[in-house]
Amino acid sequence: MQQKSKVFVGLDTSKLKISVAVAEDGRQGEIRFLGEIDNTPEAVRRLVHKLASRHGELLFCYEAGPTGYGLQRQIAALGHECAVIAPSLIPKRPGERVKTNRRDALTLARLHRAGELTAIWVPDPGHEAVRELVRAREAAMADL
């Protein structure tokens, strides 16, 4: 049974695992933690297909970081919107210091639904290669 609903999916990524949370559309929509999946293309593909079979529109987001833009490109290739969020622009309450993967995924889903997140520009593979080349050159010059 497919529902034609909009769902906001918050992903907290790390090298090995991705924590997944979902916020249903609307102010009173339920926000729930779905669990963790492996950080592999196959696991991400299964997650996207599972969510797509249950909901009409999927809107993904995750924090920019060392995991890169591969996840965004994979989700976009599967036909869904995926925003990469600037970590420094995520609203945080004063004194909110405890960080867990579960809490971060839930927060991302909730704030994405509220429209309070700022997405960054995702470079295409060509731009990303040039950036890596420039960084490698700068590192080599610093070593010299």
Protein backbone atom coordinates (compact mmCIF):
# COMPACT_ATOMS: atom_id res chain seq x y z
CA MET A 1 0.00 0.00 0.00
CA GLN A 2 1.68 3.18 -1.18
CA GLN A 3 0.91 6.42 0.56
CA LYS A 4 1.43 9.62 -1.41
CA SER A 5 3.11 11.39 1.47
CA LYS A 6 6.18 13.58 1.73
CA VAL A 7 8.89 12.34 4.09
CA PHE A 8 12.05 14.08 5.27
CA VAL A 9 14.95 11.71 5.88
CA GLY A 10 17.88 12.75 8.08
CA LEU A 11 21.10 10.78 7.65
CA ASP A 12 23.99 10.94 10.10
CA THR A 13 26.94 9.52 8.20
CA SER A 14 30.19 8.00 9.36
CA LYS A 15 32.80 5.86 7.66
CA LEU A 16 31.11 2.53 8.47
CA LYS A 17 27.45 3.28 9.36
CA ILE A 18 24.61 5.63 8.48
CA SER A 19 21.97 6.44 11.10
CA VAL A 20 18.53 7.04 9.55
CA ALA A 21 15.61 9.09 10.91
CA VAL A 22 12.33 10.02 9.22
CA ALA A 23 10.05 13.01 9.78
CA GLU A 24 6.58 12.83 8.25
CA ASP A 25 5.20 15.94 6.57
CA GLY A 26 3.21 18.46 8.59
CA ARG A 27 3.70 20.12 11.95
CA GLN A 28 2.34 17.17 13.86
CA GLY A 29 3.99 14.53 11.68
CA GLU A 30 5.76 11.75 13.52
CA ILE A 31 9.55 11.80 13.80
CA ARG A 32 11.13 8.40 14.32
CA PHE A 33 14.52 6.74 14.25
CA LEU A 34 14.70 3.85 11.79
CA GLY A 35 18.09 2.50 12.82
CA GLU A 36 21.52 2.16 11.27
CA ILE A 37 22.59 0.75 7.92
CA ASP A 38 26.03 -0.02 6.54
CA ASN A 39 27.67 2.80 4.63
CA THR A 40 27.71 0.88 1.33
CA PRO A 41 26.03 1.70 -1.98
CA GLU A 42 23.95 -1.51 -1.83
CA ALA A 43 22.61 -0.77 1.67
CA VAL A 44 21.75 2.80 0.67
CA ARG A 45 19.97 1.56 -2.47
CA ARG A 46 17.89 -0.90 -0.40
CA LEU A 47 16.97 1.86 2.08
CA VAL A 48 15.89 4.25 -0.67
CA HIS A 49 13.77 1.60 -2.42
CA LYS A 50 12.18 0.53 0.88
CA LEU A 51 11.23 4.12 1.76
CA ALA A 52 10.09 4.89 -1.80
CA SER A 53 7.71 1.93 -1.71
CA ARG A 54 6.02 3.39 1.38
CA HIS A 55 6.00 7.12 0.63
CA GLY A 56 5.42 9.34 -2.38
CA GLU A 57 8.22 11.90 -2.05
CA LEU A 58 11.54 11.47 -0.24
CA LEU A 59 13.69 14.44 0.75
CA PHE A 60 17.08 13.38 2.13
CA CYS A 61 19.71 15.44 3.94
CA TYR A 62 23.03 14.84 5.67
CA GLU A 63 25.89 16.91 7.09
CA ALA A 64 28.85 17.74 4.90
CA GLY A 65 31.96 16.03 6.15
CA PRO A 66 34.79 13.68 5.40
CA THR A 67 32.51 11.09 3.78
CA GLY A 68 32.25 13.33 0.71
CA TYR A 69 29.51 13.75 -1.86
CA GLY A 70 29.14 10.16 -3.08
CA LEU A 71 26.01 9.59 -0.98
CA GLN A 72 24.33 12.68 -2.43
CA ARG A 73 25.18 11.63 -5.97
CA GLN A 74 23.87 8.10 -5.39
CA ILE A 75 20.54 9.28 -3.93
CA ALA A 76 20.13 11.86 -6.71
CA ALA A 77 20.82 9.14 -9.31
CA LEU A 78 18.02 7.09 -7.73
CA GLY A 79 15.65 10.03 -8.43
CA HIS A 80 15.32 11.68 -5.03
CA GLU A 81 16.34 15.04 -3.65
CA CYS A 82 19.34 15.02 -1.30
CA ALA A 83 20.68 18.15 0.36
CA VAL A 84 24.16 18.34 1.85
CA ILE A 85 23.99 20.59 4.91
CA ALA A 86 26.65 22.96 6.23
CA PRO A 87 27.38 21.73 9.79
CA SER A 88 28.22 25.22 11.05
CA LEU A 89 24.78 26.50 9.99
CA ILE A 90 22.69 23.87 11.81
CA PRO A 91 20.69 25.63 14.55
CA LYS A 92 21.72 24.42 18.01
CA ARG A 93 20.31 25.26 21.43
CA PRO A 94 22.67 26.69 24.03
CA GLY A 95 24.12 23.90 26.15
CA GLU A 96 23.31 21.21 23.58
CA ARG A 97 26.62 19.36 23.67
CA VAL A 98 25.77 15.67 23.73
CA LYS A 99 26.11 14.29 20.21
CA THR A 100 24.93 10.83 19.28
CA ASN A 101 24.28 9.44 15.82
CA ARG A 102 20.63 8.80 16.69
CA ARG A 103 20.06 12.32 18.05
CA ASP A 104 21.84 13.92 15.09
CA ALA A 105 19.75 11.98 12.54
CA LEU A 106 16.50 12.91 14.34
CA THR A 107 17.55 16.57 14.52
CA LEU A 108 18.44 16.67 10.83
CA ALA A 109 15.07 15.16 9.84
CA ARG A 110 13.12 17.56 12.09
CA LEU A 111 15.02 20.68 10.95
CA HIS A 112 14.84 19.65 7.28
CA ARG A 113 11.06 19.35 7.57
CA ALA A 114 10.95 22.82 9.19
CA GLY A 115 13.08 24.33 6.41
CA GLU A 116 15.74 25.54 8.85
CA LEU A 117 18.77 23.95 7.18
CA THR A 118 21.16 25.59 4.73
CA ALA A 119 22.28 23.36 1.88
CA ILE A 120 25.71 23.77 0.31
CA TRP A 121 26.70 23.58 -3.33
CA VAL A 122 27.68 20.05 -4.33
CA PRO A 123 30.55 20.09 -6.81
CA ASP A 124 30.44 17.79 -9.81
CA PRO A 125 33.23 15.17 -10.06
CA GLY A 126 35.32 17.49 -12.28
CA HIS A 127 35.26 20.36 -9.77
CA GLU A 128 35.97 17.95 -6.95
CA ALA A 129 39.03 16.57 -8.78
CA VAL A 130 40.40 20.09 -9.30
CA ARG A 131 39.89 20.89 -5.60
CA GLU A 132 41.77 17.73 -4.60
CA LEU A 133 44.60 18.61 -7.00
CA VAL A 134 44.92 22.11 -5.55
CA ARG A 135 44.94 20.74 -1.99
CA ALA A 136 47.58 18.14 -2.91
CA ARG A 137 49.74 20.86 -4.50
CA GLU A 138 49.41 23.08 -1.42
CA ALA A 139 50.40 20.16 0.83
CA ALA A 140 53.41 19.39 -1.36
CA MET A 141 54.50 23.05 -1.32
CA ALA A 142 54.15 23.15 2.47
CA ASP A 143 56.29 20.00 2.77
CA LEU A 144 58.90 21.52 0.50
